[in-house]
Amino acid sequence: MTIRFTALLFLASTFCFAGTWSGVLVDSGCFRSEANNVTKDATPARWDVNMAVRACTPSAKTKHFGVVLPDSQLLTFNAAGNASAARFVASAAVEKGKRLPITVSGTLNKKVIDVGSVSAAGSAQ
């Protein structure tokens, strides 16, 4: 009985969740670096997420992308999602330091989105 319950719990924890996320497109490596560069005494109120988002605006050279959600959480993209985001950045007029609001659809597996599509967010800025 215990083995069956454990197996069921393991399978349930590996399920992915399909959905749509809106936020700001960033260079995920840059954003992680900015987040890790905060002193241990810093509180969320002292860390300027908007400044980190602006500093991590993706460019044509960006290889790894992510979306920063309104709660400041970073979700990264799988390889196919990185390719989609690179095409999106190439087609958009991206200015350094300017926020790039997007909507991403796909399947969430832990904190990585298996991206189905990346598009500009309606009128969200």
PDB file of N, CA and C in Angstrom:
ATOM      1  N   MET A   1       0.828  -1.189   0.000  1.00  0.00           N
ATOM      2  CA  MET A   1       0.000   0.000   0.000  1.00  0.00           C
ATOM      3  C   MET A   1       0.872   1.253   0.000  1.00  0.00           C
ATOM      4  N   THR A   2       1.899   1.272   0.859  1.00  0.00           N
ATOM      5  CA  THR A   2       2.782   2.428   0.952  1.00  0.00           C
ATOM      6  C   THR A   2       3.538   2.652  -0.343  1.00  0.00           C
ATOM      7  N   ILE A   3       3.950   1.583  -1.012  1.00  0.00           N
ATOM      8  CA  ILE A   3       4.679   1.704  -2.272  1.00  0.00           C
ATOM      9  C   ILE A   3       3.784   2.316  -3.343  1.00  0.00           C
ATOM     10  N   ARG A   4       2.524   1.906  -3.402  1.00  0.00           N
ATOM     11  CA  ARG A   4       1.596   2.467  -4.381  1.00  0.00           C
ATOM     12  C   ARG A   4       1.369   3.951  -4.130  1.00  0.00           C
ATOM     13  N   PHE A   5       1.193   4.314  -2.884  1.00  0.00           N
ATOM     14  CA  PHE A   5       0.992   5.714  -2.533  1.00  0.00           C
ATOM     15  C   PHE A   5       2.217   6.548  -2.908  1.00  0.00           C
ATOM     16  N   THR A   6       3.405   6.031  -2.622  1.00  0.00           N
ATOM     17  CA  THR A   6       4.645   6.733  -2.951  1.00  0.00           C
ATOM     18  C   THR A   6       4.786   6.884  -4.459  1.00  0.00           C
ATOM     19  N   ALA A   7       4.467   5.845  -5.215  1.00  0.00           N
ATOM     20  CA  ALA A   7       4.543   5.912  -6.673  1.00  0.00           C
ATOM     21  C   ALA A   7       3.551   6.937  -7.213  1.00  0.00           C
ATOM     22  N   LEU A   8       2.350   6.958  -6.682  1.00  0.00           N
ATOM     23  CA  LEU A   8       1.344   7.923  -7.108  1.00  0.00           C
ATOM     24  C   LEU A   8       1.789   9.343  -6.788  1.00  0.00           C
ATOM     25  N   LEU A   9       2.342   9.553  -5.619  1.00  0.00           N
ATOM     26  CA  LEU A   9       2.831  10.874  -5.234  1.00  0.00           C
ATOM     27  C   LEU A   9       3.957  11.325  -6.152  1.00  0.00           C
ATOM     28  N   PHE A  10       4.864  10.428  -6.504  1.00  0.00           N
ATOM     29  CA  PHE A  10       5.961  10.752  -7.409  1.00  0.00           C
ATOM     30  C   PHE A  10       5.431  11.145  -8.778  1.00  0.00           C
ATOM     31  N   LEU A  11       4.496  10.378  -9.311  1.00  0.00           N
ATOM     32  CA  LEU A  11       3.932  10.691 -10.629  1.00  0.00           C
ATOM     33  C   LEU A  11       3.189  12.015 -10.616  1.00  0.00           C
ATOM     34  N   ALA A  12       2.464  12.279  -9.560  1.00  0.00           N
ATOM     35  CA  ALA A  12       1.724  13.535  -9.465  1.00  0.00           C
ATOM     36  C   ALA A  12       2.670  14.728  -9.420  1.00  0.00           C
ATOM     37  N   SER A  13       3.832  14.567  -8.828  1.00  0.00           N
ATOM     38  CA  SER A  13       4.761  15.680  -8.718  1.00  0.00           C
ATOM     39  C   SER A  13       5.491  15.965 -10.023  1.00  0.00           C
ATOM     40  N   THR A  14       5.454  15.024 -10.978  1.00  0.00           N
ATOM     41  CA  THR A  14       6.153  15.232 -12.234  1.00  0.00           C
ATOM     42  C   THR A  14       5.242  15.791 -13.321  1.00  0.00           C
ATOM     43  N   PHE A  15       3.963  15.959 -13.037  1.00  0.00           N
ATOM     44  CA  PHE A  15       3.049  16.498 -14.030  1.00  0.00           C
ATOM     45  C   PHE A  15       3.408  17.942 -14.330  1.00  0.00           C
ATOM     46  N   CYS A  16       3.168  18.326 -15.571  1.00  0.00           N
ATOM     47  CA  CYS A  16       3.409  19.689 -16.003  1.00  0.00           C
ATOM     48  C   CYS A  16       2.071  20.417 -16.074  1.00  0.00           C
ATOM     49  N   PHE A  17       2.133  21.728 -16.019  1.00  0.00           N
ATOM     50  CA  PHE A  17       0.921  22.510 -16.030  1.00  0.00           C
ATOM     51  C   PHE A  17       0.907  23.440 -17.233  1.00  0.00           C
ATOM     52  N   ALA A  18      -0.101  23.296 -18.089  1.00  0.00           N
ATOM     53  CA  ALA A  18      -0.252  24.156 -19.262  1.00  0.00           C
ATOM     54  C   ALA A  18      -0.843  25.480 -18.807  1.00  0.00           C
ATOM     55  N   GLY A  19      -0.430  26.550 -19.474  1.00  0.00           N
ATOM     56  CA  GLY A  19      -0.962  27.843 -19.106  1.00  0.00           C
ATOM     57  C   GLY A  19      -0.398  28.965 -19.937  1.00  0.00           C
ATOM     58  N   THR A  20      -0.725  30.162 -19.501  1.00  0.00           N
ATOM     59  CA  THR A  20      -0.269  31.390 -20.145  1.00  0.00           C
ATOM     60  C   THR A  20       0.270  32.298 -19.062  1.00  0.00           C
ATOM     61  N   TRP A  21       1.419  32.914 -19.333  1.00  0.00           N
ATOM     62  CA  TRP A  21       2.056  33.813 -18.379  1.00  0.00           C
ATOM     63  C   TRP A  21       2.350  35.134 -19.059  1.00  0.00           C
ATOM     64  N   SER A  22       2.098  36.223 -18.350  1.00  0.00           N
ATOM     65  CA  SER A  22       2.401  37.554 -18.862  1.00  0.00           C
ATOM     66  C   SER A  22       3.418  38.205 -17.953  1.00  0.00           C
ATOM     67  N   GLY A  23       4.350  38.889 -18.564  1.00  0.00           N
ATOM     68  CA  GLY A  23       5.394  39.568 -17.819  1.00  0.00           C
ATOM     69  C   GLY A  23       6.324  40.284 -18.764  1.00  0.00           C
ATOM     70  N   VAL A  24       7.579  40.394 -18.371  1.00  0.00           N
ATOM     71  CA  VAL A  24       8.568  41.118 -19.157  1.00  0.00           C
ATOM     72  C   VAL A  24       9.652  40.151 -19.617  1.00  0.00           C
ATOM     73  N   LEU A  25       9.973  40.191 -20.911  1.00  0.00           N
ATOM     74  CA  LEU A  25      11.009  39.337 -21.465  1.00  0.00           C
ATOM     75  C   LEU A  25      12.381  39.853 -21.040  1.00  0.00           C
ATOM     76  N   VAL A  26      13.225  38.945 -20.579  1.00  0.00           N
ATOM     77  CA  VAL A  26      14.576  39.310 -20.138  1.00  0.00           C
ATOM     78  C   VAL A  26      15.595  38.286 -20.612  1.00  0.00           C
ATOM     79  N   ASP A  27      16.856  38.700 -20.554  1.00  0.00           N
ATOM     80  CA  ASP A  27      17.988  37.797 -20.693  1.00  0.00           C
ATOM     81  C   ASP A  27      18.052  37.073 -19.347  1.00  0.00           C
ATOM     82  N   SER A  28      17.752  35.774 -19.336  1.00  0.00           N
ATOM     83  CA  SER A  28      17.615  35.073 -18.057  1.00  0.00           C
ATOM     84  C   SER A  28      18.932  34.983 -17.290  1.00  0.00           C
ATOM     85  N   GLY A  29      20.051  34.822 -17.979  1.00  0.00           N
ATOM     86  CA  GLY A  29      21.340  34.776 -17.298  1.00  0.00           C
ATOM     87  C   GLY A  29      21.662  36.090 -16.619  1.00  0.00           C
ATOM     88  N   CYS A  30      21.398  37.179 -17.307  1.00  0.00           N
ATOM     89  CA  CYS A  30      21.617  38.511 -16.745  1.00  0.00           C
ATOM     90  C   CYS A  30      20.735  38.726 -15.520  1.00  0.00           C
ATOM     91  N   PHE A  31      19.451  38.357 -15.631  1.00  0.00           N
ATOM     92  CA  PHE A  31      18.520  38.577 -14.524  1.00  0.00           C
ATOM     93  C   PHE A  31      18.923  37.768 -13.293  1.00  0.00           C
ATOM     94  N   ARG A  32      19.325  36.512 -13.512  1.00  0.00           N
ATOM     95  CA  ARG A  32      19.793  35.690 -12.384  1.00  0.00           C
ATOM     96  C   ARG A  32      21.018  36.326 -11.728  1.00  0.00           C
ATOM     97  N   SER A  33      21.919  36.836 -12.551  1.00  0.00           N
ATOM     98  CA  SER A  33      23.121  37.490 -12.033  1.00  0.00           C
ATOM     99  C   SER A  33      22.751  38.706 -11.191  1.00  0.00           C
ATOM    100  N   GLU A  34      21.818  39.508 -11.690  1.00  0.00           N
ATOM    101  CA  GLU A  34      21.355  40.678 -10.944  1.00  0.00           C
ATOM    102  C   GLU A  34      20.721  40.255  -9.616  1.00  0.00           C
ATOM    103  N   ALA A  35      19.919  39.206  -9.654  1.00  0.00           N
ATOM    104  CA  ALA A  35      19.250  38.735  -8.438  1.00  0.00           C
ATOM    105  C   ALA A  35      20.255  38.190  -7.431  1.00  0.00           C
ATOM    106  N   ASN A  36      21.293  37.524  -7.928  1.00  0.00           N
ATOM    107  CA  ASN A  36      22.311  36.962  -7.042  1.00  0.00           C
ATOM    108  C   ASN A  36      23.285  38.012  -6.528  1.00  0.00           C
ATOM    109  N   ASN A  37      23.269  39.175  -7.122  1.00  0.00           N
ATOM    110  CA  ASN A  37      24.185  40.242  -6.748  1.00  0.00           C
ATOM    111  C   ASN A  37      23.600  41.135  -5.652  1.00  0.00           C
ATOM    112  N   VAL A  38      22.572  40.659  -4.996  1.00  0.00           N
ATOM    113  CA  VAL A  38      21.924  41.404  -3.925  1.00  0.00           C
ATOM    114  C   VAL A  38      22.530  40.955  -2.601  1.00  0.00           C
ATOM    115  N   THR A  39      22.807  41.905  -1.723  1.00  0.00           N
ATOM    116  CA  THR A  39      23.379  41.528  -0.436  1.00  0.00           C
ATOM    117  C   THR A  39      22.393  40.690   0.357  1.00  0.00           C
ATOM    118  N   LYS A  40      22.910  39.886   1.257  1.00  0.00           N
ATOM    119  CA  LYS A  40      22.042  39.000   2.030  1.00  0.00           C
ATOM    120  C   LYS A  40      21.082  39.771   2.931  1.00  0.00           C
ATOM    121  N   ASP A  41      21.399  41.042   3.237  1.00  0.00           N
ATOM    122  CA  ASP A  41      20.536  41.854   4.085  1.00  0.00           C
ATOM    123  C   ASP A  41      19.434  42.569   3.304  1.00  0.00           C
ATOM    124  N   ALA A  42      19.493  42.490   1.989  1.00  0.00           N
ATOM    125  CA  ALA A  42      18.512  43.211   1.174  1.00  0.00           C
ATOM    126  C   ALA A  42      17.127  42.585   1.321  1.00  0.00           C
ATOM    127  N   THR A  43      16.150  43.419   1.435  1.00  0.00           N
ATOM    128  CA  THR A  43      14.762  42.967   1.472  1.00  0.00           C
ATOM    129  C   THR A  43      14.180  43.160   0.081  1.00  0.00           C
ATOM    130  N   PRO A  44      13.063  42.509  -0.224  1.00  0.00           N
ATOM    131  CA  PRO A  44      12.462  42.714  -1.543  1.00  0.00           C
ATOM    132  C   PRO A  44      12.195  44.197  -1.836  1.00  0.00           C
ATOM    133  N   ALA A  45      11.902  44.966  -0.809  1.00  0.00           N
ATOM    134  CA  ALA A  45      11.640  46.385  -1.018  1.00  0.00           C
ATOM    135  C   ALA A  45      12.917  47.138  -1.387  1.00  0.00           C
ATOM    136  N   ARG A  46      14.082  46.610  -1.010  1.00  0.00           N
ATOM    137  CA  ARG A  46      15.339  47.280  -1.309  1.00  0.00           C
ATOM    138  C   ARG A  46      15.913  46.863  -2.656  1.00  0.00           C
ATOM    139  N   TRP A  47      15.478  45.730  -3.196  1.00  0.00           N
ATOM    140  CA  TRP A  47      15.966  45.271  -4.486  1.00  0.00           C
ATOM    141  C   TRP A  47      15.066  45.842  -5.564  1.00  0.00           C
ATOM    142  N   ASP A  48      15.628  46.613  -6.464  1.00  0.00           N
ATOM    143  CA  ASP A  48      14.854  47.256  -7.517  1.00  0.00           C
ATOM    144  C   ASP A  48      14.732  46.298  -8.702  1.00  0.00           C
ATOM    145  N   VAL A  49      13.666  45.535  -8.731  1.00  0.00           N
ATOM    146  CA  VAL A  49      13.439  44.563  -9.787  1.00  0.00           C
ATOM    147  C   VAL A  49      13.305  45.266 -11.127  1.00  0.00           C
ATOM    148  N   ASN A  50      12.643  46.412 -11.140  1.00  0.00           N
ATOM    149  CA  ASN A  50      12.476  47.135 -12.403  1.00  0.00           C
ATOM    150  C   ASN A  50      13.819  47.540 -12.991  1.00  0.00           C
ATOM    151  N   MET A  51      14.769  47.918 -12.151  1.00  0.00           N
ATOM    152  CA  MET A  51      16.092  48.264 -12.639  1.00  0.00           C
ATOM    153  C   MET A  51      16.785  47.024 -13.212  1.00  0.00           C
ATOM    154  N   ALA A  52      16.617  45.884 -12.556  1.00  0.00           N
ATOM    155  CA  ALA A  52      17.203  44.642 -13.056  1.00  0.00           C
ATOM    156  C   ALA A  52      16.570  44.250 -14.390  1.00  0.00           C
ATOM    157  N   VAL A  53      15.256  44.427 -14.511  1.00  0.00           N
ATOM    158  CA  VAL A  53      14.567  44.118 -15.766  1.00  0.00           C
ATOM    159  C   VAL A  53      15.097  45.009 -16.884  1.00  0.00           C
ATOM    160  N   ARG A  54      15.251  46.292 -16.606  1.00  0.00           N
ATOM    161  CA  ARG A  54      15.762  47.216 -17.629  1.00  0.00           C
ATOM    162  C   ARG A  54      17.211  46.883 -17.989  1.00  0.00           C
ATOM    163  N   ALA A  55      18.013  46.514 -17.004  1.00  0.00           N
ATOM    164  CA  ALA A  55      19.413  46.164 -17.256  1.00  0.00           C
ATOM    165  C   ALA A  55      19.531  44.871 -18.066  1.00  0.00           C
ATOM    166  N   CYS A  56      18.516  44.045 -18.013  1.00  0.00           N
ATOM    167  CA  CYS A  56      18.568  42.732 -18.660  1.00  0.00           C
ATOM    168  C   CYS A  56      17.674  42.646 -19.896  1.00  0.00           C
ATOM    169  N   THR A  57      17.439  43.781 -20.537  1.00  0.00           N
ATOM    170  CA  THR A  57      16.685  43.780 -21.784  1.00  0.00           C
ATOM    171  C   THR A  57      17.411  42.891 -22.785  1.00  0.00           C
ATOM    172  N   PRO A  58      16.718  41.950 -23.414  1.00  0.00           N
ATOM    173  CA  PRO A  58      17.399  41.065 -24.357  1.00  0.00           C
ATOM    174  C   PRO A  58      17.822  41.803 -25.628  1.00  0.00           C
ATOM    175  N   SER A  59      18.856  41.276 -26.251  1.00  0.00           N
ATOM    176  CA  SER A  59      19.349  41.841 -27.505  1.00  0.00           C
ATOM    177  C   SER A  59      19.453  40.728 -28.539  1.00  0.00           C
ATOM    178  N   ALA A  60      19.936  41.069 -29.715  1.00  0.00           N
ATOM    179  CA  ALA A  60      20.106  40.069 -30.771  1.00  0.00           C
ATOM    180  C   ALA A  60      21.123  39.005 -30.367  1.00  0.00           C
ATOM    181  N   LYS A  61      21.996  39.312 -29.426  1.00  0.00           N
ATOM    182  CA  LYS A  61      23.021  38.362 -28.974  1.00  0.00           C
ATOM    183  C   LYS A  61      22.545  37.449 -27.844  1.00  0.00           C
ATOM    184  N   THR A  62      21.390  37.717 -27.279  1.00  0.00           N
ATOM    185  CA  THR A  62      20.876  36.928 -26.162  1.00  0.00           C
ATOM    186  C   THR A  62      20.565  35.507 -26.609  1.00  0.00           C
ATOM    187  N   LYS A  63      20.993  34.535 -25.804  1.00  0.00           N
ATOM    188  CA  LYS A  63      20.773  33.116 -26.107  1.00  0.00           C
ATOM    189  C   LYS A  63      19.751  32.463 -25.183  1.00  0.00           C
ATOM    190  N   HIS A  64      19.646  32.957 -23.936  1.00  0.00           N
ATOM    191  CA  HIS A  64      18.760  32.351 -22.949  1.00  0.00           C
ATOM    192  C   HIS A  64      17.781  33.402 -22.438  1.00  0.00           C
ATOM    193  N   PHE A  65      16.499  33.101 -22.560  1.00  0.00           N
ATOM    194  CA  PHE A  65      15.450  34.049 -22.240  1.00  0.00           C
ATOM    195  C   PHE A  65      14.599  33.565 -21.076  1.00  0.00           C
ATOM    196  N   GLY A  66      13.859  34.499 -20.520  1.00  0.00           N
ATOM    197  CA  GLY A  66      12.900  34.188 -19.479  1.00  0.00           C
ATOM    198  C   GLY A  66      11.876  35.289 -19.392  1.00  0.00           C
ATOM    199  N   VAL A  67      10.850  35.038 -18.625  1.00  0.00           N
ATOM    200  CA  VAL A  67       9.820  36.045 -18.386  1.00  0.00           C
ATOM    201  C   VAL A  67       9.795  36.333 -16.888  1.00  0.00           C
ATOM    202  N   VAL A  68       9.844  37.621 -16.544  1.00  0.00           N
ATOM    203  CA  VAL A  68       9.731  38.036 -15.151  1.00  0.00           C
ATOM    204  C   VAL A  68       8.266  38.372 -14.917  1.00  0.00           C
ATOM    205  N   LEU A  69       7.653  37.638 -14.016  1.00  0.00           N
ATOM    206  CA  LEU A  69       6.239  37.804 -13.708  1.00  0.00           C
ATOM    207  C   LEU A  69       6.029  39.014 -12.806  1.00  0.00           C
ATOM    208  N   PRO A  70       4.795  39.484 -12.662  1.00  0.00           N
ATOM    209  CA  PRO A  70       4.521  40.641 -11.794  1.00  0.00           C
ATOM    210  C   PRO A  70       4.989  40.454 -10.347  1.00  0.00           C
ATOM    211  N   ASP A  71       5.094  39.202  -9.876  1.00  0.00           N
ATOM    212  CA  ASP A  71       5.573  38.967  -8.509  1.00  0.00           C
ATOM    213  C   ASP A  71       7.097  38.856  -8.435  1.00  0.00           C
ATOM    214  N   SER A  72       7.786  39.232  -9.519  1.00  0.00           N
ATOM    215  CA  SER A  72       9.249  39.241  -9.646  1.00  0.00           C
ATOM    216  C   SER A  72       9.861  37.862  -9.817  1.00  0.00           C
ATOM    217  N   GLN A  73       9.056  36.841  -9.988  1.00  0.00           N
ATOM    218  CA  GLN A  73       9.553  35.486 -10.201  1.00  0.00           C
ATOM    219  C   GLN A  73      10.016  35.346 -11.647  1.00  0.00           C
ATOM    220  N   LEU A  74      11.144  34.665 -11.851  1.00  0.00           N
ATOM    221  CA  LEU A  74      11.672  34.401 -13.185  1.00  0.00           C
ATOM    222  C   LEU A  74      11.318  32.988 -13.601  1.00  0.00           C
ATOM    223  N   LEU A  75      10.693  32.861 -14.778  1.00  0.00           N
ATOM    224  CA  LEU A  75      10.472  31.559 -15.400  1.00  0.00           C
ATOM    225  C   LEU A  75      11.307  31.548 -16.671  1.00  0.00           C
ATOM    226  N   THR A  76      12.133  30.524 -16.837  1.00  0.00           N
ATOM    227  CA  THR A  76      13.007  30.450 -18.005  1.00  0.00           C
ATOM    228  C   THR A  76      12.345  29.629 -19.100  1.00  0.00           C
ATOM    229  N   PHE A  77      12.944  29.665 -20.296  1.00  0.00           N
ATOM    230  CA  PHE A  77      12.391  28.975 -21.453  1.00  0.00           C
ATOM    231  C   PHE A  77      13.227  27.748 -21.791  1.00  0.00           C
ATOM    232  N   ASN A  78      12.585  26.757 -22.395  1.00  0.00           N
ATOM    233  CA  ASN A  78      13.304  25.594 -22.912  1.00  0.00           C
ATOM    234  C   ASN A  78      14.011  26.011 -24.210  1.00  0.00           C
ATOM    235  N   ALA A  79      14.745  25.094 -24.835  1.00  0.00           N
ATOM    236  CA  ALA A  79      15.518  25.420 -26.037  1.00  0.00           C
ATOM    237  C   ALA A  79      14.638  25.961 -27.160  1.00  0.00           C
ATOM    238  N   ALA A  80      13.496  25.326 -27.389  1.00  0.00           N
ATOM    239  CA  ALA A  80      12.594  25.799 -28.441  1.00  0.00           C
ATOM    240  C   ALA A  80      12.052  27.191 -28.096  1.00  0.00           C
ATOM    241  N   GLY A  81      11.798  27.412 -26.825  1.00  0.00           N
ATOM    242  CA  GLY A  81      11.322  28.725 -26.384  1.00  0.00           C
ATOM    243  C   GLY A  81      12.375  29.798 -26.557  1.00  0.00           C
ATOM    244  N   ASN A  82      13.641  29.444 -26.300  1.00  0.00           N
ATOM    245  CA  ASN A  82      14.723  30.403 -26.524  1.00  0.00           C
ATOM    246  C   ASN A  82      14.804  30.792 -27.995  1.00  0.00           C
ATOM    247  N   ALA A  83      14.609  29.818 -28.889  1.00  0.00           N
ATOM    248  CA  ALA A  83      14.621  30.102 -30.324  1.00  0.00           C
ATOM    249  C   ALA A  83      13.444  30.997 -30.703  1.00  0.00           C
ATOM    250  N   SER A  84      12.268  30.725 -30.146  1.00  0.00           N
ATOM    251  CA  SER A  84      11.084  31.562 -30.421  1.00  0.00           C
ATOM    252  C   SER A  84      11.289  32.981 -29.908  1.00  0.00           C
ATOM    253  N   ALA A  85      11.856  33.104 -28.716  1.00  0.00           N
ATOM    254  CA  ALA A  85      12.091  34.430 -28.143  1.00  0.00           C
ATOM    255  C   ALA A  85      13.137  35.188 -28.954  1.00  0.00           C
ATOM    256  N   ALA A  86      14.161  34.498 -29.455  1.00  0.00           N
ATOM    257  CA  ALA A  86      15.178  35.151 -30.287  1.00  0.00           C
ATOM    258  C   ALA A  86      14.545  35.690 -31.561  1.00  0.00           C
ATOM    259  N   ARG A  87      13.650  34.920 -32.175  1.00  0.00           N
ATOM    260  CA  ARG A  87      12.945  35.410 -33.370  1.00  0.00           C
ATOM    261  C   ARG A  87      12.060  36.602 -33.022  1.00  0.00           C
ATOM    262  N   PHE A  88      11.405  36.533 -31.858  1.00  0.00           N
ATOM    263  CA  PHE A  88      10.544  37.635 -31.416  1.00  0.00           C
ATOM    264  C   PHE A  88      11.359  38.910 -31.225  1.00  0.00           C
ATOM    265  N   VAL A  89      12.518  38.796 -30.572  1.00  0.00           N
ATOM    266  CA  VAL A  89      13.383  39.959 -30.339  1.00  0.00           C
ATOM    267  C   VAL A  89      13.880  40.516 -31.671  1.00  0.00           C
ATOM    268  N   ALA A  90      14.223  39.631 -32.599  1.00  0.00           N
ATOM    269  CA  ALA A  90      14.718  40.073 -33.906  1.00  0.00           C
ATOM    270  C   ALA A  90      13.644  40.844 -34.674  1.00  0.00           C
ATOM    271  N   SER A  91      12.388  40.458 -34.485  1.00  0.00           N
ATOM    272  CA  SER A  91      11.299  41.124 -35.215  1.00  0.00           C
ATOM    273  C   SER A  91      10.780  42.367 -34.502  1.00  0.00           C
ATOM    274  N   ALA A  92      11.091  42.509 -33.229  1.00  0.00           N
ATOM    275  CA  ALA A  92      10.630  43.664 -32.450  1.00  0.00           C
ATOM    276  C   ALA A  92      11.710  44.747 -32.454  1.00  0.00           C
ATOM    277  N   ALA A  93      11.284  45.960 -32.337  1.00  0.00           N
ATOM    278  CA  ALA A  93      12.233  47.074 -32.226  1.00  0.00           C
ATOM    279  C   ALA A  93      12.580  47.227 -30.745  1.00  0.00           C
ATOM    280  N   VAL A  94      13.603  46.498 -30.311  1.00  0.00           N
ATOM    281  CA  VAL A  94      13.972  46.473 -28.898  1.00  0.00           C
ATOM    282  C   VAL A  94      15.036  47.526 -28.632  1.00  0.00           C
ATOM    283  N   GLU A  95      14.737  48.409 -27.697  1.00  0.00           N
ATOM    284  CA  GLU A  95      15.699  49.424 -27.287  1.00  0.00           C
ATOM    285  C   GLU A  95      16.292  49.009 -25.949  1.00  0.00           C
ATOM    286  N   LYS A  96      17.605  49.188 -25.816  1.00  0.00           N
ATOM    287  CA  LYS A  96      18.284  48.841 -24.564  1.00  0.00           C
ATOM    288  C   LYS A  96      17.645  49.598 -23.411  1.00  0.00           C
ATOM    289  N   GLY A  97      17.346  48.891 -22.345  1.00  0.00           N
ATOM    290  CA  GLY A  97      16.770  49.509 -21.157  1.00  0.00           C
ATOM    291  C   GLY A  97      15.270  49.699 -21.205  1.00  0.00           C
ATOM    292  N   LYS A  98      14.633  49.266 -22.276  1.00  0.00           N
ATOM    293  CA  LYS A  98      13.177  49.404 -22.378  1.00  0.00           C
ATOM    294  C   LYS A  98      12.516  48.066 -22.090  1.00  0.00           C
ATOM    295  N   ARG A  99      11.455  48.102 -21.317  1.00  0.00           N
ATOM    296  CA  ARG A  99      10.717  46.884 -20.969  1.00  0.00           C
ATOM    297  C   ARG A  99      10.055  46.299 -22.215  1.00  0.00           C
ATOM    298  N   LEU A 100      10.033  44.980 -22.289  1.00  0.00           N
ATOM    299  CA  LEU A 100       9.433  44.285 -23.416  1.00  0.00           C
ATOM    300  C   LEU A 100       8.347  43.342 -22.891  1.00  0.00           C
ATOM    301  N   PRO A 101       7.118  43.860 -22.711  1.00  0.00           N
ATOM    302  CA  PRO A 101       6.040  43.023 -22.160  1.00  0.00           C
ATOM    303  C   PRO A 101       5.604  41.945 -23.154  1.00  0.00           C
ATOM    304  N   ILE A 102       5.469  40.726 -22.632  1.00  0.00           N
ATOM    305  CA  ILE A 102       5.103  39.592 -23.480  1.00  0.00           C
ATOM    306  C   ILE A 102       4.059  38.718 -22.804  1.00  0.00           C
ATOM    307  N   THR A 103       3.496  37.850 -23.621  1.00  0.00           N
ATOM    308  CA  THR A 103       2.631  36.777 -23.138  1.00  0.00           C
ATOM    309  C   THR A 103       3.210  35.482 -23.693  1.00  0.00           C
ATOM    310  N   VAL A 104       3.389  34.507 -22.822  1.00  0.00           N
ATOM    311  CA  VAL A 104       3.965  33.213 -23.199  1.00  0.00           C
ATOM    312  C   VAL A 104       2.945  32.133 -22.889  1.00  0.00           C
ATOM    313  N   SER A 105       2.759  31.236 -23.837  1.00  0.00           N
ATOM    314  CA  SER A 105       1.904  30.081 -23.569  1.00  0.00           C
ATOM    315  C   SER A 105       2.755  28.829 -23.695  1.00  0.00           C
ATOM    316  N   GLY A 106       2.393  27.828 -22.943  1.00  0.00           N
ATOM    317  CA  GLY A 106       3.145  26.580 -22.982  1.00  0.00           C
ATOM    318  C   GLY A 106       2.843  25.732 -21.772  1.00  0.00           C
ATOM    319  N   THR A 107       3.816  24.914 -21.412  1.00  0.00           N
ATOM    320  CA  THR A 107       3.675  23.997 -20.294  1.00  0.00           C
ATOM    321  C   THR A 107       4.782  24.266 -19.294  1.00  0.00           C
ATOM    322  N   LEU A 108       4.417  24.444 -18.043  1.00  0.00           N
ATOM    323  CA  LEU A 108       5.379  24.730 -16.984  1.00  0.00           C
ATOM    324  C   LEU A 108       5.842  23.437 -16.334  1.00  0.00           C
ATOM    325  N   ASN A 109       7.152  23.260 -16.292  1.00  0.00           N
ATOM    326  CA  ASN A 109       7.767  22.107 -15.646  1.00  0.00           C
ATOM    327  C   ASN A 109       8.778  22.667 -14.660  1.00  0.00           C
ATOM    328  N   LYS A 110       8.411  22.694 -13.399  1.00  0.00           N
ATOM    329  CA  LYS A 110       9.171  23.366 -12.351  1.00  0.00           C
ATOM    330  C   LYS A 110       9.213  24.851 -12.685  1.00  0.00           C
ATOM    331  N   LYS A 111      10.354  25.431 -13.007  1.00  0.00           N
ATOM    332  CA  LYS A 111      10.409  26.860 -13.339  1.00  0.00           C
ATOM    333  C   LYS A 111      10.860  27.085 -14.773  1.00  0.00           C
ATOM    334  N   VAL A 112      10.654  26.063 -15.608  1.00  0.00           N
ATOM    335  CA  VAL A 112      11.005  26.154 -17.026  1.00  0.00           C
ATOM    336  C   VAL A 112       9.732  25.992 -17.849  1.00  0.00           C
ATOM    337  N   ILE A 113       9.509  26.921 -18.765  1.00  0.00           N
ATOM    338  CA  ILE A 113       8.338  26.845 -19.633  1.00  0.00           C
ATOM    339  C   ILE A 113       8.738  26.155 -20.931  1.00  0.00           C
ATOM    340  N   ASP A 114       8.033  25.086 -21.267  1.00  0.00           N
ATOM    341  CA  ASP A 114       8.153  24.475 -22.590  1.00  0.00           C
ATOM    342  C   ASP A 114       7.257  25.325 -23.480  1.00  0.00           C
ATOM    343  N   VAL A 115       7.856  26.273 -24.149  1.00  0.00           N
ATOM    344  CA  VAL A 115       7.130  27.345 -24.822  1.00  0.00           C
ATOM    345  C   VAL A 115       6.388  26.859 -26.053  1.00  0.00           C
ATOM    346  N   GLY A 116       5.121  27.266 -26.136  1.00  0.00           N
ATOM    347  CA  GLY A 116       4.315  27.037 -27.324  1.00  0.00           C
ATOM    348  C   GLY A 116       4.338  28.269 -28.204  1.00  0.00           C
ATOM    349  N   SER A 117       4.226  29.452 -27.575  1.00  0.00           N
ATOM    350  CA  SER A 117       4.271  30.702 -28.336  1.00  0.00           C
ATOM    351  C   SER A 117       4.714  31.855 -27.442  1.00  0.00           C
ATOM    352  N   VAL A 118       5.304  32.857 -28.086  1.00  0.00           N
ATOM    353  CA  VAL A 118       5.717  34.103 -27.446  1.00  0.00           C
ATOM    354  C   VAL A 118       5.125  35.223 -28.280  1.00  0.00           C
ATOM    355  N   SER A 119       4.422  36.145 -27.625  1.00  0.00           N
ATOM    356  CA  SER A 119       3.840  37.267 -28.359  1.00  0.00           C
ATOM    357  C   SER A 119       3.893  38.521 -27.495  1.00  0.00           C
ATOM    358  N   ALA A 120       3.777  39.663 -28.162  1.00  0.00           N
ATOM    359  CA  ALA A 120       3.757  40.940 -27.447  1.00  0.00           C
ATOM    360  C   ALA A 120       2.477  40.986 -26.615  1.00  0.00           C
ATOM    361  N   ALA A 121       2.608  41.480 -25.391  1.00  0.00           N
ATOM    362  CA  ALA A 121       1.443  41.635 -24.528  1.00  0.00           C
ATOM    363  C   ALA A 121       0.590  42.764 -25.093  1.00  0.00           C
ATOM    364  N   GLY A 122      -0.710  42.593 -25.085  1.00  0.00           N
ATOM    365  CA  GLY A 122      -1.644  43.574 -25.623  1.00  0.00           C
ATOM    366  C   GLY A 122      -1.244  45.014 -25.403  1.00  0.00           C
ATOM    367  N   SER A 123      -1.736  45.629 -24.365  1.00  0.00           N
ATOM    368  CA  SER A 123      -1.401  47.028 -24.103  1.00  0.00           C
ATOM    369  C   SER A 123      -0.683  47.168 -22.767  1.00  0.00           C
ATOM    370  N   ALA A 124      -0.272  46.045 -22.172  1.00  0.00           N
ATOM    371  CA  ALA A 124       0.426  46.084 -20.882  1.00  0.00           C
ATOM    372  C   ALA A 124       1.820  46.682 -21.042  1.00  0.00           C
ATOM    373  N   GLN A 125       2.158  47.571 -20.186  1.00  0.00           N
ATOM    374  CA  GLN A 125       3.482  48.200 -20.217  1.00  0.00           C
ATOM    375  C   GLN A 125       4.060  48.203 -18.851  1.00  0.00           C
TER     376      GLN A 125
END
